[in-house]
Amino acid sequence: MATLLLRLQGPMQAWGVQSRFGVRDTGREPSKSGVIGLLCAALGREREAPVDDLASLKMGVRVDKPGRVMMDFHTANAVLKAGGGIKNTEISRRYYLADAAFLVGLESANLTLLEKLHAALHNPAWMLFLGRKSFVPSPPVYLPDGLRCEEDLVGAFHTYPWLGRSDREYKKLCREQGGQIRLMLEDENGEMQANDFPISFEKGNRQFVPRRMHVDWIDFPPYQTPETKAQENAP
């Protein structure tokens, strides 16, 4: 098996799976539908195109920085009512994660597909965003050393350095979490479920089915100073 790693990190991100009407929610980790949508943007794949090849990738998330759930109020004027007429003002609540960082892994025996995705993330066809178009990544999603040709998902999570940049924050999180870091792993027998497995992104025919996941904890990954990371990723 091989694994492709993505860095999802920025001031704000949102991964909603239960948004309804005036409430736009966010999960505490990236959704599979959101990650597959990001890959489609990198590839330049239209909404009507099939996504079964991407959805078949086994996904896991390492929660390097859990962030904080925040909420904003938004207002819109002249909103059409379902029964006709116009509503003067519509208020919505939009939740998002602030200052979170996730290492997402996609595992597959199809190395050719992972290589194609790695190249697309390096030079994406369309803009990449973290769940909402206004939420852009701060460091790139692309990781130069993110294609792990001989590592499975959990093995890559063990060895890849922590995504943060502060030694102080690293030690603080280690202490608060008992030296362990949380994983969310796709598992058909998992104890958790989310309705985020994409069948179609076609406009007017978006389809998702439930996906099961398992929560696991591993020892905190190694920490590298920003200078060391820059040297290792230099061409």
Protein backbone atom coordinates (compact mmCIF):
# COMPACT_ATOMS: atom_id res chain seq x y z
CA MET A 1 0.00 0.00 0.00
CA ALA A 2 0.97 3.63 -0.58
CA THR A 3 -0.33 6.78 1.07
CA LEU A 4 -0.76 10.36 -0.11
CA LEU A 5 -0.62 13.00 2.63
CA LEU A 6 -2.34 16.40 2.47
CA ARG A 7 -1.92 19.36 4.81
CA LEU A 8 -5.21 21.07 5.66
CA GLN A 9 -4.23 24.09 7.72
CA GLY A 10 -5.41 27.69 7.81
CA PRO A 11 -6.96 30.44 9.92
CA MET A 12 -10.45 29.10 9.18
CA GLN A 13 -11.93 25.91 7.77
CA ALA A 14 -15.37 24.29 7.77
CA TRP A 15 -16.39 20.71 7.01
CA GLY A 16 -20.17 20.59 7.29
CA VAL A 17 -22.18 17.41 6.80
CA GLN A 18 -25.51 18.39 8.42
CA SER A 19 -26.07 21.97 7.25
CA ARG A 20 -29.74 22.93 6.96
CA PHE A 21 -31.42 26.22 6.08
CA GLY A 22 -30.04 28.97 8.34
CA VAL A 23 -27.40 26.85 10.08
CA ARG A 24 -24.09 25.93 8.43
CA ASP A 25 -22.30 23.46 10.66
CA THR A 26 -18.77 22.11 10.75
CA GLY A 27 -17.40 18.78 11.86
CA ARG A 28 -14.35 18.64 14.12
CA GLU A 29 -12.34 16.97 11.33
CA PRO A 30 -12.32 17.22 7.52
CA SER A 31 -15.15 15.30 5.85
CA LYS A 32 -14.48 12.79 3.09
CA SER A 33 -16.82 14.66 0.74
CA GLY A 34 -14.86 17.85 1.41
CA VAL A 35 -11.49 16.21 0.76
CA ILE A 36 -12.72 14.53 -2.45
CA GLY A 37 -14.14 17.87 -3.58
CA LEU A 38 -10.74 19.46 -2.99
CA LEU A 39 -9.08 16.75 -5.09
CA CYS A 40 -11.62 17.32 -7.87
CA ALA A 41 -10.71 21.02 -7.86
CA ALA A 42 -7.01 20.18 -8.09
CA LEU A 43 -7.70 17.87 -11.04
CA GLY A 44 -10.07 20.30 -12.75
CA ARG A 45 -12.82 17.69 -12.66
CA GLU A 46 -16.33 18.98 -13.38
CA ARG A 47 -19.23 18.39 -10.99
CA GLU A 48 -20.92 16.00 -13.43
CA ALA A 49 -17.87 13.72 -13.60
CA PRO A 50 -17.86 10.44 -11.63
CA VAL A 51 -15.94 10.37 -8.35
CA ASP A 52 -15.90 6.64 -7.59
CA ASP A 53 -12.14 6.36 -8.19
CA LEU A 54 -11.44 9.05 -5.58
CA ALA A 55 -14.11 7.91 -3.14
CA SER A 56 -12.57 4.42 -3.11
CA LEU A 57 -9.39 5.77 -1.45
CA LYS A 58 -9.20 4.85 2.23
CA MET A 59 -9.07 8.08 4.21
CA GLY A 60 -7.69 8.93 7.62
CA VAL A 61 -7.15 12.16 9.52
CA ARG A 62 -4.48 13.02 12.09
CA VAL A 63 -5.62 15.90 14.28
CA ASP A 64 -2.40 17.89 14.74
CA LYS A 65 -4.20 21.00 16.05
CA PRO A 66 -7.88 20.59 16.96
CA GLY A 67 -8.60 24.31 16.74
CA ARG A 68 -11.67 26.02 18.19
CA VAL A 69 -15.27 25.96 16.95
CA MET A 70 -16.40 29.53 16.27
CA MET A 71 -19.64 31.03 14.92
CA ASP A 72 -20.50 34.05 12.81
CA PHE A 73 -23.91 35.58 12.12
CA HIS A 74 -24.62 36.41 8.48
CA THR A 75 -27.51 38.39 7.05
CA ALA A 76 -28.95 38.37 3.54
CA ASN A 77 -31.54 40.76 2.13
CA ALA A 78 -34.35 40.18 -0.36
CA VAL A 79 -34.44 36.40 0.11
CA LEU A 80 -37.09 34.50 -1.87
CA LYS A 81 -39.61 32.55 0.23
CA ALA A 82 -40.53 28.97 -0.65
CA GLY A 83 -44.20 29.94 -1.05
CA GLY A 84 -43.46 33.07 -3.03
CA GLY A 85 -42.75 36.62 -2.03
CA ILE A 86 -39.61 38.14 -0.58
CA LYS A 87 -38.30 38.06 2.96
CA ASN A 88 -36.61 41.29 3.96
CA THR A 89 -33.77 39.81 6.02
CA GLU A 90 -32.53 36.25 6.50
CA ILE A 91 -30.16 35.51 9.38
CA SER A 92 -27.87 32.49 9.27
CA ARG A 93 -25.37 31.02 11.71
CA ARG A 94 -22.13 29.73 10.22
CA TYR A 95 -19.78 27.61 12.28
CA TYR A 96 -16.12 27.08 11.46
CA LEU A 97 -12.86 25.82 12.95
CA ALA A 98 -10.26 28.44 13.84
CA ASP A 99 -6.52 27.72 13.83
CA ALA A 100 -6.84 23.98 13.18
CA ALA A 101 -4.35 21.74 11.38
CA PHE A 102 -5.00 18.28 9.97
CA LEU A 103 -2.81 15.75 8.23
CA VAL A 104 -5.10 13.84 5.86
CA GLY A 105 -3.97 10.51 4.44
CA LEU A 106 -5.37 8.66 1.42
CA GLU A 107 -4.31 5.03 1.14
CA SER A 108 -4.43 2.93 -2.03
CA ALA A 109 -2.69 0.14 -3.90
CA ASN A 110 -3.04 2.30 -7.04
CA LEU A 111 0.23 4.24 -6.92
CA THR A 112 -0.40 5.75 -10.36
CA LEU A 113 -3.57 7.45 -9.10
CA LEU A 114 -1.80 8.77 -6.01
CA GLU A 115 1.05 10.13 -8.16
CA LYS A 116 -1.50 11.90 -10.37
CA LEU A 117 -3.17 13.46 -7.33
CA HIS A 118 0.16 14.51 -5.84
CA ALA A 119 1.07 16.30 -9.08
CA ALA A 120 -2.36 17.96 -9.26
CA LEU A 121 -2.04 19.32 -5.72
CA HIS A 122 1.32 20.82 -6.69
CA ASN A 123 -0.23 22.60 -9.68
CA PRO A 124 -4.00 22.68 -9.12
CA ALA A 125 -6.36 23.42 -11.99
CA TRP A 126 -8.70 25.44 -9.77
CA MET A 127 -8.38 27.25 -6.47
CA LEU A 128 -8.26 25.02 -3.40
CA PHE A 129 -10.16 25.93 -0.25
CA LEU A 130 -10.87 24.40 3.13
CA GLY A 131 -14.57 23.63 2.99
CA ARG A 132 -15.77 27.11 1.96
CA LYS A 133 -14.51 29.27 -0.87
CA SER A 134 -13.44 32.07 1.45
CA PHE A 135 -11.35 29.69 3.59
CA VAL A 136 -8.04 29.37 1.78
CA PRO A 137 -5.11 27.29 3.06
CA SER A 138 -2.26 29.25 4.61
CA PRO A 139 0.56 26.78 3.96
CA PRO A 140 -0.13 24.79 0.77
CA VAL A 141 -2.17 21.59 0.81
CA TYR A 142 0.63 20.04 -1.25
CA LEU A 143 3.47 18.41 0.69
CA PRO A 144 6.65 17.82 -1.35
CA ASP A 145 7.32 14.63 0.61
CA GLY A 146 3.64 13.72 0.94
CA LEU A 147 3.67 10.71 -1.38
CA ARG A 148 4.69 7.78 0.82
CA CYS A 149 5.19 4.95 -1.66
CA GLU A 150 5.86 2.21 0.88
CA GLU A 151 3.86 3.32 3.93
CA ASP A 152 0.30 2.48 4.84
CA LEU A 153 -2.02 5.06 6.35
CA VAL A 154 -1.23 4.52 10.02
CA GLY A 155 2.48 4.09 9.36
CA ALA A 156 2.59 7.47 7.59
CA PHE A 157 0.77 9.09 10.51
CA HIS A 158 3.37 7.70 12.91
CA THR A 159 6.38 8.99 11.01
CA TYR A 160 5.35 12.28 9.38
CA PRO A 161 6.37 15.30 11.49
CA TRP A 162 3.80 17.39 13.34
CA LEU A 163 2.39 20.19 11.19
CA GLY A 164 2.70 23.02 13.71
CA ARG A 165 5.58 25.48 13.81
CA SER A 166 5.91 26.23 17.52
CA ASP A 167 7.93 24.11 19.94
CA ARG A 168 5.99 25.69 22.80
CA GLU A 169 2.63 24.70 21.30
CA TYR A 170 3.91 21.20 20.53
CA LYS A 171 4.89 20.67 24.17
CA LYS A 172 1.60 22.16 25.39
CA LEU A 173 -0.51 19.82 23.24
CA CYS A 174 1.64 16.83 24.21
CA ARG A 175 1.05 17.63 27.85
CA GLU A 176 -2.69 18.26 27.50
CA GLN A 177 -3.27 15.11 25.46
CA GLY A 178 -1.06 12.80 27.49
CA GLY A 179 1.52 12.45 24.73
CA GLN A 180 -1.10 11.05 22.33
CA ILE A 181 -2.57 12.41 19.11
CA ARG A 182 -6.01 11.53 17.74
CA LEU A 183 -6.68 9.69 14.48
CA MET A 184 -9.96 9.29 12.59
CA LEU A 185 -9.67 6.20 10.40
CA GLU A 186 -12.12 4.94 7.80
CA ASP A 187 -13.34 1.53 9.01
CA GLU A 188 -16.47 -0.34 7.89
CA ASN A 189 -16.82 -1.68 11.45
CA GLY A 190 -16.10 1.66 13.13
CA GLU A 191 -18.10 3.00 16.04
CA MET A 192 -18.73 6.44 14.45
CA GLN A 193 -20.66 7.43 11.35
CA ALA A 194 -20.89 10.46 9.08
CA ASN A 195 -23.01 10.99 5.98
CA ASP A 196 -20.06 12.15 3.88
CA PHE A 197 -19.19 9.40 1.40
CA PRO A 198 -19.72 11.09 -1.99
CA ILE A 199 -21.66 9.40 -4.78
CA SER A 200 -22.23 12.45 -6.94
CA PHE A 201 -21.43 16.18 -6.81
CA GLU A 202 -23.71 16.96 -9.76
CA LYS A 203 -25.68 20.17 -9.25
CA GLY A 204 -29.24 19.33 -8.27
CA ASN A 205 -28.32 15.69 -7.72
CA ARG A 206 -25.74 15.71 -4.93
CA GLN A 207 -25.69 12.30 -3.27
CA PHE A 208 -23.90 11.06 -0.16
CA VAL A 209 -24.14 7.87 1.86
CA PRO A 210 -22.97 7.06 5.40
CA ARG A 211 -19.34 6.19 6.11
CA ARG A 212 -18.10 4.49 9.26
CA MET A 213 -14.96 5.52 11.15
CA HIS A 214 -12.84 4.39 14.05
CA VAL A 215 -11.12 6.67 16.58
CA ASP A 216 -7.56 5.76 17.54
CA TRP A 217 -4.69 7.38 19.42
CA ILE A 218 -0.96 7.13 18.71
CA ASP A 219 2.16 8.65 20.24
CA PHE A 220 2.78 12.25 19.24
CA PRO A 221 4.72 12.43 15.95
CA PRO A 222 8.19 13.97 15.83
CA TYR A 223 8.64 17.73 15.88
CA GLN A 224 10.82 19.58 13.38
CA THR A 225 11.80 23.22 13.52
CA PRO A 226 10.62 25.35 10.57
CA GLU A 227 14.26 25.67 9.48
CA THR A 228 14.73 21.90 9.34
CA LYS A 229 11.50 21.46 7.37
CA ALA A 230 12.59 24.09 4.86
CA GLN A 231 15.96 22.39 4.37
CA GLU A 232 14.42 18.95 3.86
CA ASN A 233 11.84 20.25 1.36
CA ALA A 234 14.33 22.33 -0.62
CA PRO A 235 14.81 21.19 -4.25
